[in-house]
């Protein structure tokens, strides 16, 4: 009887909505494609791609002049109906040369026949420095052609610790925030504690997942008017 009860308990746990499930890329349609990640068959079903094209950082030899370091795939014609060009920012002090390079890359992707939706900035903006990030994004938005959207990645603790005034200034500046629920190659264990509060930011948001990580959607997510879906970070399989 004890064995039978244990089996029923295990079956109930596996079938429970609260049980975490592995993130299977084939269940999704939007993906980050990062430098060094090999192509996967799942890309054939993708409708949206976020393609890394470079990082902006300061060289050790010249800390005063940030540069764009090209990364990711070469410009090519992609079949997906929506393409975001992604830049990993290690500094917000972009010289004019970097802006020209970024917009030049975007234009080349467009000229290759791609439906470029916009630019995404991947920057780890800690909550206490969020105001500086807002100022940078406002300036970038003013430089972007009206036809391009602006996406940013966001940290989950923004929903709890960010200055509400700084967050409110992002409205009308960014078109979406993709909230990262992972760090490195692993899902953050307590993501469920933060996500229910994301709707309070008043910004359209997507949830970023790591391929092979763990994920269970909070009940509040499907009811949020700000939730726009998922983006899966593809990684090389072990």
C-alpha atoms as a PDB file:
ATOM      1  CA  UNK A   1       0.000   0.000   0.000  1.00  0.00           C
ATOM      2  CA  UNK A   2       2.811   2.400   0.836  1.00  0.00           C
ATOM      3  CA  UNK A   3       4.452   1.700  -2.524  1.00  0.00           C
ATOM      4  CA  UNK A   4       1.166   2.278  -4.330  1.00  0.00           C
ATOM      5  CA  UNK A   5       0.626   5.557  -2.496  1.00  0.00           C
ATOM      6  CA  UNK A   6       4.130   6.675  -3.379  1.00  0.00           C
ATOM      7  CA  UNK A   7       3.558   5.912  -7.048  1.00  0.00           C
ATOM      8  CA  UNK A   8       0.328   7.901  -7.077  1.00  0.00           C
ATOM      9  CA  UNK A   9       2.103  10.806  -5.397  1.00  0.00           C
ATOM     10  CA  UNK A  10       4.856  10.779  -8.005  1.00  0.00           C
ATOM     11  CA  UNK A  11       2.364  10.646 -10.857  1.00  0.00           C
ATOM     12  CA  UNK A  12       0.488  13.551  -9.353  1.00  0.00           C
ATOM     13  CA  UNK A  13       3.670  15.566  -9.019  1.00  0.00           C
ATOM     14  CA  UNK A  14       4.671  14.971 -12.629  1.00  0.00           C
ATOM     15  CA  UNK A  15       1.254  15.969 -13.833  1.00  0.00           C
ATOM     16  CA  UNK A  16       1.033  19.042 -11.672  1.00  0.00           C
ATOM     17  CA  UNK A  17       1.210  22.462 -13.389  1.00  0.00           C
ATOM     18  CA  UNK A  18       3.713  23.541 -10.732  1.00  0.00           C
ATOM     19  CA  UNK A  19       6.237  20.878 -11.703  1.00  0.00           C
ATOM     20  CA  UNK A  20       9.138  22.412 -13.626  1.00  0.00           C
ATOM     21  CA  UNK A  21       9.656  21.155 -17.165  1.00  0.00           C
ATOM     22  CA  UNK A  22      12.753  21.258 -19.343  1.00  0.00           C
ATOM     23  CA  UNK A  23      12.823  24.020 -21.949  1.00  0.00           C
ATOM     24  CA  UNK A  24      12.506  22.245 -25.307  1.00  0.00           C
ATOM     25  CA  UNK A  25      13.364  24.598 -28.161  1.00  0.00           C
ATOM     26  CA  UNK A  26      10.938  22.834 -30.500  1.00  0.00           C
ATOM     27  CA  UNK A  27       8.051  24.172 -28.402  1.00  0.00           C
ATOM     28  CA  UNK A  28       8.881  27.799 -29.253  1.00  0.00           C
ATOM     29  CA  UNK A  29       9.147  30.078 -32.286  1.00  0.00           C
ATOM     30  CA  UNK A  30      11.519  32.888 -31.242  1.00  0.00           C
ATOM     31  CA  UNK A  31      15.227  32.412 -30.575  1.00  0.00           C
ATOM     32  CA  UNK A  32      18.427  34.213 -29.728  1.00  0.00           C
ATOM     33  CA  UNK A  33      21.243  33.153 -32.038  1.00  0.00           C
ATOM     34  CA  UNK A  34      24.553  33.963 -30.356  1.00  0.00           C
ATOM     35  CA  UNK A  35      28.142  33.833 -31.537  1.00  0.00           C
ATOM     36  CA  UNK A  36      29.668  30.350 -31.457  1.00  0.00           C
ATOM     37  CA  UNK A  37      26.343  28.515 -31.323  1.00  0.00           C
ATOM     38  CA  UNK A  38      25.954  25.983 -34.106  1.00  0.00           C
ATOM     39  CA  UNK A  39      22.829  25.883 -36.230  1.00  0.00           C
ATOM     40  CA  UNK A  40      20.003  23.627 -35.054  1.00  0.00           C
ATOM     41  CA  UNK A  41      17.065  22.087 -36.957  1.00  0.00           C
ATOM     42  CA  UNK A  42      14.672  24.041 -34.735  1.00  0.00           C
ATOM     43  CA  UNK A  43      15.610  27.216 -36.616  1.00  0.00           C
ATOM     44  CA  UNK A  44      13.493  26.013 -39.534  1.00  0.00           C
ATOM     45  CA  UNK A  45      10.361  26.601 -37.450  1.00  0.00           C
ATOM     46  CA  UNK A  46      11.492  29.978 -36.127  1.00  0.00           C
ATOM     47  CA  UNK A  47       9.348  33.000 -36.853  1.00  0.00           C
ATOM     48  CA  UNK A  48      11.523  35.499 -34.985  1.00  0.00           C
ATOM     49  CA  UNK A  49      15.297  35.591 -34.599  1.00  0.00           C
ATOM     50  CA  UNK A  50      17.436  37.787 -32.366  1.00  0.00           C
ATOM     51  CA  UNK A  51      20.854  37.659 -34.036  1.00  0.00           C
ATOM     52  CA  UNK A  52      23.959  38.892 -32.229  1.00  0.00           C
ATOM     53  CA  UNK A  53      26.085  41.163 -34.406  1.00  0.00           C
ATOM     54  CA  UNK A  54      28.624  42.602 -32.013  1.00  0.00           C
ATOM     55  CA  UNK A  55      29.591  43.946 -28.629  1.00  0.00           C
ATOM     56  CA  UNK A  56      30.493  47.473 -27.635  1.00  0.00           C
ATOM     57  CA  UNK A  57      33.320  47.585 -25.125  1.00  0.00           C
ATOM     58  CA  UNK A  58      36.429  49.528 -24.165  1.00  0.00           C
ATOM     59  CA  UNK A  59      39.783  48.000 -25.174  1.00  0.00           C
ATOM     60  CA  UNK A  60      42.349  47.539 -22.435  1.00  0.00           C
ATOM     61  CA  UNK A  61      44.763  49.646 -24.425  1.00  0.00           C
ATOM     62  CA  UNK A  62      42.376  52.594 -24.739  1.00  0.00           C
ATOM     63  CA  UNK A  63      39.758  52.919 -22.012  1.00  0.00           C
ATOM     64  CA  UNK A  64      38.482  56.225 -23.379  1.00  0.00           C
ATOM     65  CA  UNK A  65      37.370  55.029 -26.810  1.00  0.00           C
ATOM     66  CA  UNK A  66      34.774  52.231 -26.869  1.00  0.00           C
ATOM     67  CA  UNK A  67      34.670  50.183 -30.063  1.00  0.00           C
ATOM     68  CA  UNK A  68      32.288  47.814 -31.799  1.00  0.00           C
ATOM     69  CA  UNK A  69      33.683  44.286 -31.998  1.00  0.00           C
ATOM     70  CA  UNK A  70      31.895  42.330 -34.712  1.00  0.00           C
ATOM     71  CA  UNK A  71      30.441  38.995 -33.607  1.00  0.00           C
ATOM     72  CA  UNK A  72      27.952  36.480 -34.900  1.00  0.00           C
ATOM     73  CA  UNK A  73      27.050  35.398 -38.402  1.00  0.00           C
ATOM     74  CA  UNK A  74      27.811  37.293 -41.576  1.00  0.00           C
ATOM     75  CA  UNK A  75      25.037  39.210 -43.292  1.00  0.00           C
ATOM     76  CA  UNK A  76      22.837  36.798 -45.209  1.00  0.00           C
ATOM     77  CA  UNK A  77      19.248  36.397 -46.343  1.00  0.00           C
ATOM     78  CA  UNK A  78      17.218  34.703 -43.608  1.00  0.00           C
ATOM     79  CA  UNK A  79      13.721  33.271 -44.167  1.00  0.00           C
ATOM     80  CA  UNK A  80      12.244  34.332 -40.826  1.00  0.00           C
ATOM     81  CA  UNK A  81       9.571  37.062 -41.058  1.00  0.00           C
ATOM     82  CA  UNK A  82      11.010  39.005 -38.096  1.00  0.00           C
ATOM     83  CA  UNK A  83      14.666  39.748 -37.397  1.00  0.00           C
ATOM     84  CA  UNK A  84      16.166  41.680 -34.505  1.00  0.00           C
ATOM     85  CA  UNK A  85      19.803  42.809 -34.689  1.00  0.00           C
ATOM     86  CA  UNK A  86      21.367  42.423 -31.237  1.00  0.00           C
ATOM     87  CA  UNK A  87      24.280  44.251 -29.648  1.00  0.00           C
ATOM     88  CA  UNK A  88      25.865  43.305 -26.338  1.00  0.00           C
ATOM     89  CA  UNK A  89      26.822  46.541 -24.563  1.00  0.00           C
ATOM     90  CA  UNK A  90      29.527  46.611 -21.895  1.00  0.00           C
ATOM     91  CA  UNK A  91      29.492  50.401 -21.847  1.00  0.00           C
ATOM     92  CA  UNK A  92      26.934  53.091 -22.613  1.00  0.00           C
ATOM     93  CA  UNK A  93      29.519  55.646 -23.734  1.00  0.00           C
ATOM     94  CA  UNK A  94      29.151  55.102 -27.471  1.00  0.00           C
ATOM     95  CA  UNK A  95      31.142  57.394 -29.762  1.00  0.00           C
ATOM     96  CA  UNK A  96      29.627  58.515 -33.055  1.00  0.00           C
ATOM     97  CA  UNK A  97      31.709  55.950 -34.940  1.00  0.00           C
ATOM     98  CA  UNK A  98      29.952  53.111 -33.107  1.00  0.00           C
ATOM     99  CA  UNK A  99      26.502  54.488 -33.927  1.00  0.00           C
ATOM    100  CA  UNK A 100      27.460  54.727 -37.605  1.00  0.00           C
ATOM    101  CA  UNK A 101      28.742  51.148 -37.579  1.00  0.00           C
ATOM    102  CA  UNK A 102      25.612  49.832 -35.882  1.00  0.00           C
ATOM    103  CA  UNK A 103      23.228  51.560 -38.271  1.00  0.00           C
ATOM    104  CA  UNK A 104      25.417  50.529 -41.196  1.00  0.00           C
ATOM    105  CA  UNK A 105      25.123  46.877 -40.176  1.00  0.00           C
ATOM    106  CA  UNK A 106      21.360  47.150 -39.841  1.00  0.00           C
ATOM    107  CA  UNK A 107      21.130  48.681 -43.292  1.00  0.00           C
ATOM    108  CA  UNK A 108      23.180  45.843 -44.795  1.00  0.00           C
ATOM    109  CA  UNK A 109      20.812  43.275 -43.285  1.00  0.00           C
ATOM    110  CA  UNK A 110      17.903  45.162 -44.805  1.00  0.00           C
ATOM    111  CA  UNK A 111      19.599  45.392 -48.191  1.00  0.00           C
ATOM    112  CA  UNK A 112      20.103  41.609 -48.103  1.00  0.00           C
ATOM    113  CA  UNK A 113      16.324  41.239 -48.154  1.00  0.00           C
ATOM    114  CA  UNK A 114      15.633  40.704 -44.462  1.00  0.00           C
ATOM    115  CA  UNK A 115      12.602  41.974 -42.578  1.00  0.00           C
ATOM    116  CA  UNK A 116      14.505  43.789 -39.830  1.00  0.00           C
ATOM    117  CA  UNK A 117      12.128  44.576 -36.989  1.00  0.00           C
ATOM    118  CA  UNK A 118      14.615  46.591 -34.974  1.00  0.00           C
ATOM    119  CA  UNK A 119      17.616  46.649 -32.668  1.00  0.00           C
ATOM    120  CA  UNK A 120      17.961  44.930 -29.321  1.00  0.00           C
ATOM    121  CA  UNK A 121      20.417  46.119 -26.675  1.00  0.00           C
ATOM    122  CA  UNK A 122      21.677  43.481 -24.257  1.00  0.00           C
ATOM    123  CA  UNK A 123      23.013  45.370 -21.241  1.00  0.00           C
ATOM    124  CA  UNK A 124      23.036  44.292 -17.608  1.00  0.00           C
ATOM    125  CA  UNK A 125      21.560  47.462 -16.139  1.00  0.00           C
ATOM    126  CA  UNK A 126      21.631  47.149 -12.369  1.00  0.00           C
ATOM    127  CA  UNK A 127      18.670  48.796 -10.719  1.00  0.00           C
ATOM    128  CA  UNK A 128      20.638  51.598  -9.086  1.00  0.00           C
ATOM    129  CA  UNK A 129      22.093  52.622 -12.470  1.00  0.00           C
ATOM    130  CA  UNK A 130      18.830  52.324 -14.378  1.00  0.00           C
ATOM    131  CA  UNK A 131      18.465  56.083 -14.794  1.00  0.00           C
ATOM    132  CA  UNK A 132      21.717  56.240 -16.778  1.00  0.00           C
ATOM    133  CA  UNK A 133      20.444  53.439 -18.995  1.00  0.00           C
ATOM    134  CA  UNK A 134      17.180  55.292 -19.588  1.00  0.00           C
ATOM    135  CA  UNK A 135      19.090  58.359 -20.776  1.00  0.00           C
ATOM    136  CA  UNK A 136      21.149  56.229 -23.156  1.00  0.00           C
ATOM    137  CA  UNK A 137      18.037  54.539 -24.562  1.00  0.00           C
ATOM    138  CA  UNK A 138      16.258  57.841 -25.104  1.00  0.00           C
ATOM    139  CA  UNK A 139      19.204  59.073 -27.133  1.00  0.00           C
ATOM    140  CA  UNK A 140      19.361  55.838 -29.125  1.00  0.00           C
ATOM    141  CA  UNK A 141      15.634  55.980 -29.802  1.00  0.00           C
ATOM    142  CA  UNK A 142      16.000  59.508 -31.180  1.00  0.00           C
ATOM    143  CA  UNK A 143      18.649  58.271 -33.613  1.00  0.00           C
ATOM    144  CA  UNK A 144      16.745  55.211 -34.838  1.00  0.00           C
ATOM    145  CA  UNK A 145      14.721  55.435 -38.042  1.00  0.00           C
ATOM    146  CA  UNK A 146      11.007  55.493 -37.276  1.00  0.00           C
ATOM    147  CA  UNK A 147      10.600  52.159 -39.067  1.00  0.00           C
ATOM    148  CA  UNK A 148      12.783  50.340 -36.519  1.00  0.00           C
ATOM    149  CA  UNK A 149      11.721  49.204 -33.067  1.00  0.00           C
ATOM    150  CA  UNK A 150      13.860  49.148 -29.933  1.00  0.00           C
ATOM    151  CA  UNK A 151      14.101  46.085 -27.688  1.00  0.00           C
ATOM    152  CA  UNK A 152      16.130  45.615 -24.525  1.00  0.00           C
ATOM    153  CA  UNK A 153      16.906  42.735 -22.228  1.00  0.00           C
ATOM    154  CA  UNK A 154      15.929  43.197 -18.610  1.00  0.00           C
ATOM    155  CA  UNK A 155      16.734  41.740 -15.221  1.00  0.00           C
ATOM    156  CA  UNK A 156      13.993  40.173 -13.138  1.00  0.00           C
ATOM    157  CA  UNK A 157      14.709  42.291 -10.078  1.00  0.00           C
ATOM    158  CA  UNK A 158      13.579  45.390 -11.975  1.00  0.00           C
ATOM    159  CA  UNK A 159      10.049  44.383 -11.006  1.00  0.00           C
ATOM    160  CA  UNK A 160      10.893  44.663  -7.299  1.00  0.00           C
ATOM    161  CA  UNK A 161      13.804  47.042  -6.866  1.00  0.00           C
ATOM    162  CA  UNK A 162      13.836  49.465  -9.794  1.00  0.00           C
ATOM    163  CA  UNK A 163      12.978  53.132  -9.353  1.00  0.00           C
ATOM    164  CA  UNK A 164       9.359  53.468 -10.597  1.00  0.00           C
ATOM    165  CA  UNK A 165      10.144  56.898 -12.015  1.00  0.00           C
ATOM    166  CA  UNK A 166      13.017  55.518 -14.101  1.00  0.00           C
ATOM    167  CA  UNK A 167      10.867  52.640 -15.355  1.00  0.00           C
ATOM    168  CA  UNK A 168       8.051  54.992 -16.321  1.00  0.00           C
ATOM    169  CA  UNK A 169      10.460  56.897 -18.568  1.00  0.00           C
ATOM    170  CA  UNK A 170      10.946  53.777 -20.690  1.00  0.00           C
ATOM    171  CA  UNK A 171       7.347  53.972 -21.883  1.00  0.00           C
ATOM    172  CA  UNK A 172       7.315  55.204 -25.448  1.00  0.00           C
ATOM    173  CA  UNK A 173      11.076  54.643 -25.700  1.00  0.00           C
ATOM    174  CA  UNK A 174      11.395  50.853 -25.825  1.00  0.00           C
ATOM    175  CA  UNK A 175       8.941  48.614 -27.639  1.00  0.00           C
ATOM    176  CA  UNK A 176       9.636  45.536 -25.535  1.00  0.00           C
ATOM    177  CA  UNK A 177      11.661  44.197 -22.630  1.00  0.00           C
ATOM    178  CA  UNK A 178      12.839  40.583 -22.771  1.00  0.00           C
ATOM    179  CA  UNK A 179      13.246  39.457 -19.168  1.00  0.00           C
ATOM    180  CA  UNK A 180      16.055  36.956 -18.668  1.00  0.00           C
ATOM    181  CA  UNK A 181      15.135  34.054 -16.391  1.00  0.00           C
ATOM    182  CA  UNK A 182      18.575  32.480 -16.604  1.00  0.00           C
ATOM    183  CA  UNK A 183      22.196  33.180 -15.793  1.00  0.00           C
ATOM    184  CA  UNK A 184      24.918  31.532 -17.809  1.00  0.00           C
ATOM    185  CA  UNK A 185      23.688  28.099 -18.872  1.00  0.00           C
ATOM    186  CA  UNK A 186      21.148  27.613 -16.088  1.00  0.00           C
ATOM    187  CA  UNK A 187      17.701  28.888 -15.134  1.00  0.00           C
ATOM    188  CA  UNK A 188      17.534  31.119 -12.067  1.00  0.00           C
ATOM    189  CA  UNK A 189      15.843  29.000  -9.355  1.00  0.00           C
ATOM    190  CA  UNK A 190      13.539  31.683  -7.930  1.00  0.00           C
ATOM    191  CA  UNK A 191      12.252  33.168 -11.198  1.00  0.00           C
ATOM    192  CA  UNK A 192       8.658  32.503 -10.102  1.00  0.00           C
ATOM    193  CA  UNK A 193       9.022  35.047  -7.300  1.00  0.00           C
ATOM    194  CA  UNK A 194       9.701  37.908  -9.717  1.00  0.00           C
ATOM    195  CA  UNK A 195       7.661  37.290 -12.857  1.00  0.00           C
ATOM    196  CA  UNK A 196       4.187  37.956 -11.393  1.00  0.00           C
ATOM    197  CA  UNK A 197       5.312  41.529 -10.737  1.00  0.00           C
ATOM    198  CA  UNK A 198       6.516  42.219 -14.297  1.00  0.00           C
ATOM    199  CA  UNK A 199       3.105  43.444 -15.381  1.00  0.00           C
ATOM    200  CA  UNK A 200       3.382  46.279 -12.870  1.00  0.00           C
ATOM    201  CA  UNK A 201       6.108  47.863 -14.974  1.00  0.00           C
ATOM    202  CA  UNK A 202       3.538  48.790 -17.604  1.00  0.00           C
ATOM    203  CA  UNK A 203       5.817  47.726 -20.474  1.00  0.00           C
ATOM    204  CA  UNK A 204       5.338  45.029 -23.132  1.00  0.00           C
ATOM    205  CA  UNK A 205       7.566  42.140 -22.114  1.00  0.00           C
ATOM    206  CA  UNK A 206       8.667  38.713 -23.239  1.00  0.00           C
ATOM    207  CA  UNK A 207      10.223  35.989 -21.127  1.00  0.00           C
ATOM    208  CA  UNK A 208      13.715  34.836 -22.041  1.00  0.00           C
ATOM    209  CA  UNK A 209      14.422  31.146 -21.439  1.00  0.00           C
ATOM    210  CA  UNK A 210      17.599  29.082 -21.737  1.00  0.00           C
ATOM    211  CA  UNK A 211      17.477  25.965 -23.894  1.00  0.00           C
ATOM    212  CA  UNK A 212      17.591  22.928 -21.630  1.00  0.00           C
ATOM    213  CA  UNK A 213      16.750  24.984 -18.555  1.00  0.00           C
ATOM    214  CA  UNK A 214      13.687  24.612 -16.360  1.00  0.00           C
ATOM    215  CA  UNK A 215      10.455  26.522 -16.743  1.00  0.00           C
ATOM    216  CA  UNK A 216       6.895  26.537 -15.501  1.00  0.00           C
ATOM    217  CA  UNK A 217       4.730  29.495 -16.460  1.00  0.00           C
ATOM    218  CA  UNK A 218       3.204  31.285 -13.456  1.00  0.00           C
ATOM    219  CA  UNK A 219      -0.591  31.435 -13.587  1.00  0.00           C
ATOM    220  CA  UNK A 220      -0.425  35.227 -13.623  1.00  0.00           C
ATOM    221  CA  UNK A 221       1.551  35.298 -16.865  1.00  0.00           C
ATOM    222  CA  UNK A 222      -1.228  34.277 -19.234  1.00  0.00           C
ATOM    223  CA  UNK A 223      -3.526  36.906 -17.731  1.00  0.00           C
ATOM    224  CA  UNK A 224      -1.065  39.786 -18.093  1.00  0.00           C
ATOM    225  CA  UNK A 225      -2.001  42.284 -20.838  1.00  0.00           C
ATOM    226  CA  UNK A 226       1.709  43.099 -21.204  1.00  0.00           C
ATOM    227  CA  UNK A 227       2.980  39.575 -21.874  1.00  0.00           C
ATOM    228  CA  UNK A 228       4.108  39.059 -25.486  1.00  0.00           C
ATOM    229  CA  UNK A 229       5.548  35.528 -25.519  1.00  0.00           C
ATOM    230  CA  UNK A 230       8.917  33.826 -25.194  1.00  0.00           C
ATOM    231  CA  UNK A 231      12.448  33.970 -26.593  1.00  0.00           C
ATOM    232  CA  UNK A 232      14.715  30.945 -26.161  1.00  0.00           C
ATOM    233  CA  UNK A 233      18.482  31.337 -25.931  1.00  0.00           C
ATOM    234  CA  UNK A 234      19.918  28.527 -28.042  1.00  0.00           C
ATOM    235  CA  UNK A 235      23.104  26.903 -26.815  1.00  0.00           C
ATOM    236  CA  UNK A 236      25.360  24.127 -28.003  1.00  0.00           C
ATOM    237  CA  UNK A 237      24.203  20.785 -26.707  1.00  0.00           C
ATOM    238  CA  UNK A 238      26.446  18.857 -24.325  1.00  0.00           C
END
